[in-house]
Amino acid sequence: MARACAITGKKTISGRSIVRKGLSKKKGGIGLHVTSATKRTFKPNLQRVRIRDENGTVKRVWVSTKAIRSGKVQKA
């Protein structure tokens, strides 16, 4: 199963976790600098819910919480 929302299509995306080090200028330093950037993944908040589709059948799908809150899904 792909980790993606069945309604909105939200899926896992990649990004970076940025590490900033240094003494701030206010405290007498030369400011913050980026020292490293490690790869990470941002995963959608998916819930497995029973929904009623347009044909009236009930099935279980993975849906993002944004789709549930906005009313795009009719729970069964």
PDB file of N, CA and C in Angstrom:
ATOM      1  N   MET A   1       0.817  -1.179   0.000  1.00  0.00           N
ATOM      2  CA  MET A   1       0.000   0.000   0.000  1.00  0.00           C
ATOM      3  C   MET A   1       0.863   1.246   0.000  1.00  0.00           C
ATOM      4  N   ALA A   2       0.602   2.150  -0.923  1.00  0.00           N
ATOM      5  CA  ALA A   2       1.309   3.413  -0.933  1.00  0.00           C
ATOM      6  C   ALA A   2       0.762   4.286   0.177  1.00  0.00           C
ATOM      7  N   ARG A   3       1.631   5.051   0.815  1.00  0.00           N
ATOM      8  CA  ARG A   3       1.189   5.914   1.904  1.00  0.00           C
ATOM      9  C   ARG A   3       0.665   7.210   1.309  1.00  0.00           C
ATOM     10  N   ALA A   4      -0.572   7.159   0.800  1.00  0.00           N
ATOM     11  CA  ALA A   4      -1.177   8.320   0.163  1.00  0.00           C
ATOM     12  C   ALA A   4      -2.666   8.356   0.478  1.00  0.00           C
ATOM     13  N   CYS A   5      -3.223   9.561   0.501  1.00  0.00           N
ATOM     14  CA  CYS A   5      -4.650   9.747   0.763  1.00  0.00           C
ATOM     15  C   CYS A   5      -5.439   9.376  -0.490  1.00  0.00           C
ATOM     16  N   ALA A   6      -6.542   8.638  -0.282  1.00  0.00           N
ATOM     17  CA  ALA A   6      -7.371   8.210  -1.411  1.00  0.00           C
ATOM     18  C   ALA A   6      -8.186   9.364  -1.977  1.00  0.00           C
ATOM     19  N   ILE A   7      -8.403  10.422  -1.211  1.00  0.00           N
ATOM     20  CA  ILE A   7      -9.242  11.535  -1.648  1.00  0.00           C
ATOM     21  C   ILE A   7      -8.409  12.695  -2.192  1.00  0.00           C
ATOM     22  N   THR A   8      -7.482  13.190  -1.377  1.00  0.00           N
ATOM     23  CA  THR A   8      -6.718  14.380  -1.754  1.00  0.00           C
ATOM     24  C   THR A   8      -5.426  14.062  -2.492  1.00  0.00           C
ATOM     25  N   GLY A   9      -4.929  12.832  -2.368  1.00  0.00           N
ATOM     26  CA  GLY A   9      -3.685  12.469  -3.031  1.00  0.00           C
ATOM     27  C   GLY A   9      -2.440  12.864  -2.263  1.00  0.00           C
ATOM     28  N   LYS A  10      -2.606  13.324  -1.022  1.00  0.00           N
ATOM     29  CA  LYS A  10      -1.432  13.676  -0.205  1.00  0.00           C
ATOM     30  C   LYS A  10      -0.567  12.439  -0.033  1.00  0.00           C
ATOM     31  N   LYS A  11       0.756  12.615  -0.139  1.00  0.00           N
ATOM     32  CA  LYS A  11       1.653  11.484   0.013  1.00  0.00           C
ATOM     33  C   LYS A  11       2.936  11.912   0.710  1.00  0.00           C
ATOM     34  N   THR A  12       3.797  10.956   0.984  1.00  0.00           N
ATOM     35  CA  THR A  12       5.059  11.241   1.649  1.00  0.00           C
ATOM     36  C   THR A  12       5.939  12.070   0.743  1.00  0.00           C
ATOM     37  N   ILE A  13       6.522  13.148   1.307  1.00  0.00           N
ATOM     38  CA  ILE A  13       7.460  13.964   0.545  1.00  0.00           C
ATOM     39  C   ILE A  13       8.776  14.040   1.313  1.00  0.00           C
ATOM     40  N   SER A  14       9.844  14.297   0.599  1.00  0.00           N
ATOM     41  CA  SER A  14      11.149  14.369   1.243  1.00  0.00           C
ATOM     42  C   SER A  14      11.534  15.822   1.460  1.00  0.00           C
ATOM     43  N   GLY A  15      12.397  16.011   2.436  1.00  0.00           N
ATOM     44  CA  GLY A  15      12.869  17.353   2.757  1.00  0.00           C
ATOM     45  C   GLY A  15      14.168  17.264   3.530  1.00  0.00           C
ATOM     46  N   ARG A  16      14.482  18.321   4.229  1.00  0.00           N
ATOM     47  CA  ARG A  16      15.718  18.356   5.001  1.00  0.00           C
ATOM     48  C   ARG A  16      15.443  18.862   6.406  1.00  0.00           C
ATOM     49  N   SER A  17      16.243  18.380   7.344  1.00  0.00           N
ATOM     50  CA  SER A  17      16.242  18.885   8.707  1.00  0.00           C
ATOM     51  C   SER A  17      17.501  19.732   8.841  1.00  0.00           C
ATOM     52  N   ILE A  18      17.331  21.042   8.998  1.00  0.00           N
ATOM     53  CA  ILE A  18      18.471  21.966   8.980  1.00  0.00           C
ATOM     54  C   ILE A  18      18.945  22.235  10.397  1.00  0.00           C
ATOM     55  N   VAL A  19      20.265  22.137  10.620  1.00  0.00           N
ATOM     56  CA  VAL A  19      20.885  22.408  11.914  1.00  0.00           C
ATOM     57  C   VAL A  19      21.602  23.751  11.830  1.00  0.00           C
ATOM     58  N   ARG A  20      21.227  24.650  12.731  1.00  0.00           N
ATOM     59  CA  ARG A  20      21.868  25.969  12.770  1.00  0.00           C
ATOM     60  C   ARG A  20      22.619  26.111  14.081  1.00  0.00           C
ATOM     61  N   LYS A  21      23.883  26.520  14.005  1.00  0.00           N
ATOM     62  CA  LYS A  21      24.701  26.693  15.201  1.00  0.00           C
ATOM     63  C   LYS A  21      25.393  28.042  15.161  1.00  0.00           C
ATOM     64  N   GLY A  22      25.802  28.481  16.315  1.00  0.00           N
ATOM     65  CA  GLY A  22      26.547  29.732  16.423  1.00  0.00           C
ATOM     66  C   GLY A  22      25.970  30.614  17.508  1.00  0.00           C
ATOM     67  N   LEU A  23      26.721  31.622  17.869  1.00  0.00           N
ATOM     68  CA  LEU A  23      26.298  32.580  18.890  1.00  0.00           C
ATOM     69  C   LEU A  23      25.627  33.757  18.200  1.00  0.00           C
ATOM     70  N   SER A  24      24.486  34.175  18.735  1.00  0.00           N
ATOM     71  CA  SER A  24      23.747  35.257  18.098  1.00  0.00           C
ATOM     72  C   SER A  24      24.527  36.563  18.138  1.00  0.00           C
ATOM     73  N   LYS A  25      24.223  37.446  17.206  1.00  0.00           N
ATOM     74  CA  LYS A  25      24.903  38.745  17.131  1.00  0.00           C
ATOM     75  C   LYS A  25      24.633  39.559  18.387  1.00  0.00           C
ATOM     76  N   LYS A  26      23.426  39.412  18.913  1.00  0.00           N
ATOM     77  CA  LYS A  26      23.048  40.157  20.114  1.00  0.00           C
ATOM     78  C   LYS A  26      23.937  39.798  21.306  1.00  0.00           C
ATOM     79  N   LYS A  27      24.417  38.548  21.315  1.00  0.00           N
ATOM     80  CA  LYS A  27      25.265  38.085  22.415  1.00  0.00           C
ATOM     81  C   LYS A  27      26.750  38.226  22.109  1.00  0.00           C
ATOM     82  N   GLY A  28      27.078  38.876  21.000  1.00  0.00           N
ATOM     83  CA  GLY A  28      28.483  39.110  20.686  1.00  0.00           C
ATOM     84  C   GLY A  28      29.077  38.169  19.659  1.00  0.00           C
ATOM     85  N   GLY A  29      28.273  37.303  19.072  1.00  0.00           N
ATOM     86  CA  GLY A  29      28.777  36.377  18.070  1.00  0.00           C
ATOM     87  C   GLY A  29      28.632  36.935  16.666  1.00  0.00           C
ATOM     88  N   ILE A  30      28.794  36.055  15.695  1.00  0.00           N
ATOM     89  CA  ILE A  30      28.665  36.496  14.301  1.00  0.00           C
ATOM     90  C   ILE A  30      27.382  35.980  13.652  1.00  0.00           C
ATOM     91  N   GLY A  31      26.474  35.452  14.473  1.00  0.00           N
ATOM     92  CA  GLY A  31      25.187  35.017  13.957  1.00  0.00           C
ATOM     93  C   GLY A  31      25.116  33.518  13.753  1.00  0.00           C
ATOM     94  N   LEU A  32      23.922  33.047  13.451  1.00  0.00           N
ATOM     95  CA  LEU A  32      23.704  31.614  13.241  1.00  0.00           C
ATOM     96  C   LEU A  32      24.106  31.210  11.830  1.00  0.00           C
ATOM     97  N   HIS A  33      24.659  30.011  11.716  1.00  0.00           N
ATOM     98  CA  HIS A  33      25.068  29.471  10.417  1.00  0.00           C
ATOM     99  C   HIS A  33      24.518  28.066  10.261  1.00  0.00           C
ATOM    100  N   VAL A  34      24.207  27.696   9.039  1.00  0.00           N
ATOM    101  CA  VAL A  34      23.749  26.340   8.740  1.00  0.00           C
ATOM    102  C   VAL A  34      24.974  25.440   8.738  1.00  0.00           C
ATOM    103  N   THR A  35      24.981  24.436   9.626  1.00  0.00           N
ATOM    104  CA  THR A  35      26.138  23.544   9.713  1.00  0.00           C
ATOM    105  C   THR A  35      25.904  22.214   9.030  1.00  0.00           C
ATOM    106  N   SER A  36      24.641  21.770   8.968  1.00  0.00           N
ATOM    107  CA  SER A  36      24.353  20.512   8.265  1.00  0.00           C
ATOM    108  C   SER A  36      22.882  20.478   7.891  1.00  0.00           C
ATOM    109  N   ALA A  37      22.562  19.664   6.919  1.00  0.00           N
ATOM    110  CA  ALA A  37      21.181  19.457   6.495  1.00  0.00           C
ATOM    111  C   ALA A  37      21.019  17.979   6.164  1.00  0.00           C
ATOM    112  N   THR A  38      20.338  17.253   7.057  1.00  0.00           N
ATOM    113  CA  THR A  38      20.142  15.825   6.847  1.00  0.00           C
ATOM    114  C   THR A  38      18.779  15.584   6.219  1.00  0.00           C
ATOM    115  N   LYS A  39      18.700  14.544   5.398  1.00  0.00           N
ATOM    116  CA  LYS A  39      17.441  14.223   4.722  1.00  0.00           C
ATOM    117  C   LYS A  39      16.447  13.643   5.711  1.00  0.00           C
ATOM    118  N   ARG A  40      15.164  13.934   5.480  1.00  0.00           N
ATOM    119  CA  ARG A  40      14.083  13.379   6.278  1.00  0.00           C
ATOM    120  C   ARG A  40      12.840  13.294   5.415  1.00  0.00           C
ATOM    121  N   THR A  41      11.790  12.639   5.950  1.00  0.00           N
ATOM    122  CA  THR A  41      10.538  12.527   5.205  1.00  0.00           C
ATOM    123  C   THR A  41       9.406  13.140   6.002  1.00  0.00           C
ATOM    124  N   PHE A  42       8.490  13.787   5.297  1.00  0.00           N
ATOM    125  CA  PHE A  42       7.282  14.346   5.893  1.00  0.00           C
ATOM    126  C   PHE A  42       6.136  13.437   5.485  1.00  0.00           C
ATOM    127  N   LYS A  43       5.491  12.804   6.464  1.00  0.00           N
ATOM    128  CA  LYS A  43       4.429  11.847   6.178  1.00  0.00           C
ATOM    129  C   LYS A  43       3.062  12.462   6.472  1.00  0.00           C
ATOM    130  N   PRO A  44       2.068  12.189   5.633  1.00  0.00           N
ATOM    131  CA  PRO A  44       0.731  12.725   5.880  1.00  0.00           C
ATOM    132  C   PRO A  44       0.065  12.007   7.050  1.00  0.00           C
ATOM    133  N   ASN A  45      -0.856  12.701   7.703  1.00  0.00           N
ATOM    134  CA  ASN A  45      -1.596  12.122   8.825  1.00  0.00           C
ATOM    135  C   ASN A  45      -2.789  11.357   8.251  1.00  0.00           C
ATOM    136  N   LEU A  46      -2.598  10.064   8.040  1.00  0.00           N
ATOM    137  CA  LEU A  46      -3.636   9.237   7.425  1.00  0.00           C
ATOM    138  C   LEU A  46      -4.369   8.405   8.461  1.00  0.00           C
ATOM    139  N   GLN A  47      -5.678   8.276   8.273  1.00  0.00           N
ATOM    140  CA  GLN A  47      -6.517   7.457   9.139  1.00  0.00           C
ATOM    141  C   GLN A  47      -7.268   6.476   8.246  1.00  0.00           C
ATOM    142  N   ARG A  48      -7.454   5.254   8.738  1.00  0.00           N
ATOM    143  CA  ARG A  48      -8.206   4.260   7.969  1.00  0.00           C
ATOM    144  C   ARG A  48      -9.664   4.364   8.386  1.00  0.00           C
ATOM    145  N   VAL A  49     -10.499   4.837   7.481  1.00  0.00           N
ATOM    146  CA  VAL A  49     -11.907   5.058   7.798  1.00  0.00           C
ATOM    147  C   VAL A  49     -12.808   4.329   6.813  1.00  0.00           C
ATOM    148  N   ARG A  50     -14.025   4.046   7.276  1.00  0.00           N
ATOM    149  CA  ARG A  50     -15.045   3.454   6.413  1.00  0.00           C
ATOM    150  C   ARG A  50     -15.814   4.592   5.784  1.00  0.00           C
ATOM    151  N   ILE A  51     -15.828   4.635   4.451  1.00  0.00           N
ATOM    152  CA  ILE A  51     -16.531   5.713   3.760  1.00  0.00           C
ATOM    153  C   ILE A  51     -17.591   5.136   2.830  1.00  0.00           C
ATOM    154  N   ARG A  52     -18.541   5.979   2.497  1.00  0.00           N
ATOM    155  CA  ARG A  52     -19.575   5.608   1.531  1.00  0.00           C
ATOM    156  C   ARG A  52     -19.245   6.345   0.233  1.00  0.00           C
ATOM    157  N   ASP A  53     -18.986   5.603  -0.838  1.00  0.00           N
ATOM    158  CA  ASP A  53     -18.620   6.238  -2.110  1.00  0.00           C
ATOM    159  C   ASP A  53     -19.866   6.654  -2.895  1.00  0.00           C
ATOM    160  N   GLU A  54     -19.655   7.165  -4.109  1.00  0.00           N
ATOM    161  CA  GLU A  54     -20.777   7.697  -4.891  1.00  0.00           C
ATOM    162  C   GLU A  54     -21.800   6.633  -5.294  1.00  0.00           C
ATOM    163  N   ASN A  55     -21.409   5.365  -5.341  1.00  0.00           N
ATOM    164  CA  ASN A  55     -22.340   4.281  -5.673  1.00  0.00           C
ATOM    165  C   ASN A  55     -23.148   3.819  -4.468  1.00  0.00           C
ATOM    166  N   GLY A  56     -22.761   4.276  -3.275  1.00  0.00           N
ATOM    167  CA  GLY A  56     -23.463   3.873  -2.059  1.00  0.00           C
ATOM    168  C   GLY A  56     -22.826   2.701  -1.350  1.00  0.00           C
ATOM    169  N   THR A  57     -21.738   2.155  -1.893  1.00  0.00           N
ATOM    170  CA  THR A  57     -21.067   1.036  -1.246  1.00  0.00           C
ATOM    171  C   THR A  57     -20.133   1.551  -0.157  1.00  0.00           C
ATOM    172  N   VAL A  58     -19.925   0.696   0.850  1.00  0.00           N
ATOM    173  CA  VAL A  58     -19.062   1.048   1.972  1.00  0.00           C
ATOM    174  C   VAL A  58     -17.731   0.340   1.807  1.00  0.00           C
ATOM    175  N   LYS A  59     -16.638   1.102   1.943  1.00  0.00           N
ATOM    176  CA  LYS A  59     -15.323   0.480   1.878  1.00  0.00           C
ATOM    177  C   LYS A  59     -14.355   1.225   2.781  1.00  0.00           C
ATOM    178  N   ARG A  60     -13.264   0.551   3.115  1.00  0.00           N
ATOM    179  CA  ARG A  60     -12.259   1.148   3.985  1.00  0.00           C
ATOM    180  C   ARG A  60     -11.112   1.678   3.144  1.00  0.00           C
ATOM    181  N   VAL A  61     -10.752   2.918   3.390  1.00  0.00           N
ATOM    182  CA  VAL A  61      -9.646   3.532   2.654  1.00  0.00           C
ATOM    183  C   VAL A  61      -8.829   4.391   3.611  1.00  0.00           C
ATOM    184  N   TRP A  62      -7.613   4.707   3.188  1.00  0.00           N
ATOM    185  CA  TRP A  62      -6.748   5.603   3.942  1.00  0.00           C
ATOM    186  C   TRP A  62      -7.051   7.032   3.501  1.00  0.00           C
ATOM    187  N   VAL A  63      -7.420   7.881   4.479  1.00  0.00           N
ATOM    188  CA  VAL A  63      -7.820   9.257   4.184  1.00  0.00           C
ATOM    189  C   VAL A  63      -7.068  10.192   5.121  1.00  0.00           C
ATOM    190  N   SER A  64      -6.637  11.327   4.581  1.00  0.00           N
ATOM    191  CA  SER A  64      -5.946  12.312   5.414  1.00  0.00           C
ATOM    192  C   SER A  64      -6.936  13.001   6.339  1.00  0.00           C
ATOM    193  N   THR A  65      -6.453  13.468   7.469  1.00  0.00           N
ATOM    194  CA  THR A  65      -7.323  14.134   8.437  1.00  0.00           C
ATOM    195  C   THR A  65      -7.854  15.448   7.881  1.00  0.00           C
ATOM    196  N   LYS A  66      -7.129  16.077   6.975  1.00  0.00           N
ATOM    197  CA  LYS A  66      -7.612  17.310   6.354  1.00  0.00           C
ATOM    198  C   LYS A  66      -8.869  17.039   5.537  1.00  0.00           C
ATOM    199  N   ALA A  67      -8.915  15.911   4.830  1.00  0.00           N
ATOM    200  CA  ALA A  67     -10.092  15.553   4.039  1.00  0.00           C
ATOM    201  C   ALA A  67     -11.277  15.221   4.941  1.00  0.00           C
ATOM    202  N   ILE A  68     -11.003  14.611   6.096  1.00  0.00           N
ATOM    203  CA  ILE A  68     -12.078  14.273   7.033  1.00  0.00           C
ATOM    204  C   ILE A  68     -12.669  15.542   7.635  1.00  0.00           C
ATOM    205  N   ARG A  69     -11.801  16.476   8.067  1.00  0.00           N
ATOM    206  CA  ARG A  69     -12.270  17.706   8.704  1.00  0.00           C
ATOM    207  C   ARG A  69     -13.015  18.621   7.732  1.00  0.00           C
ATOM    208  N   SER A  70     -12.570  18.658   6.475  1.00  0.00           N
ATOM    209  CA  SER A  70     -13.196  19.564   5.508  1.00  0.00           C
ATOM    210  C   SER A  70     -14.520  19.029   4.970  1.00  0.00           C
ATOM    211  N   GLY A  71     -14.852  17.787   5.272  1.00  0.00           N
ATOM    212  CA  GLY A  71     -16.140  17.229   4.846  1.00  0.00           C
ATOM    213  C   GLY A  71     -16.115  16.621   3.465  1.00  0.00           C
ATOM    214  N   LYS A  72     -14.943  16.339   2.927  1.00  0.00           N
ATOM    215  CA  LYS A  72     -14.853  15.722   1.599  1.00  0.00           C
ATOM    216  C   LYS A  72     -15.200  14.238   1.645  1.00  0.00           C
ATOM    217  N   VAL A  73     -15.283  13.669   2.852  1.00  0.00           N
ATOM    218  CA  VAL A  73     -15.555  12.256   3.019  1.00  0.00           C
ATOM    219  C   VAL A  73     -16.831  12.088   3.829  1.00  0.00           C
ATOM    220  N   GLN A  74     -17.700  11.193   3.372  1.00  0.00           N
ATOM    221  CA  GLN A  74     -18.897  10.879   4.130  1.00  0.00           C
ATOM    222  C   GLN A  74     -18.650   9.555   4.840  1.00  0.00           C
ATOM    223  N   LYS A  75     -18.516   9.623   6.171  1.00  0.00           N
ATOM    224  CA  LYS A  75     -18.247   8.408   6.944  1.00  0.00           C
ATOM    225  C   LYS A  75     -19.459   7.500   6.950  1.00  0.00           C
ATOM    226  N   ALA A  76     -19.192   6.190   6.986  1.00  0.00           N
ATOM    227  CA  ALA A  76     -20.281   5.209   7.005  1.00  0.00           C
ATOM    228  C   ALA A  76     -20.430   4.634   8.400  1.00  0.00           C
TER     229      ALA A  76
END
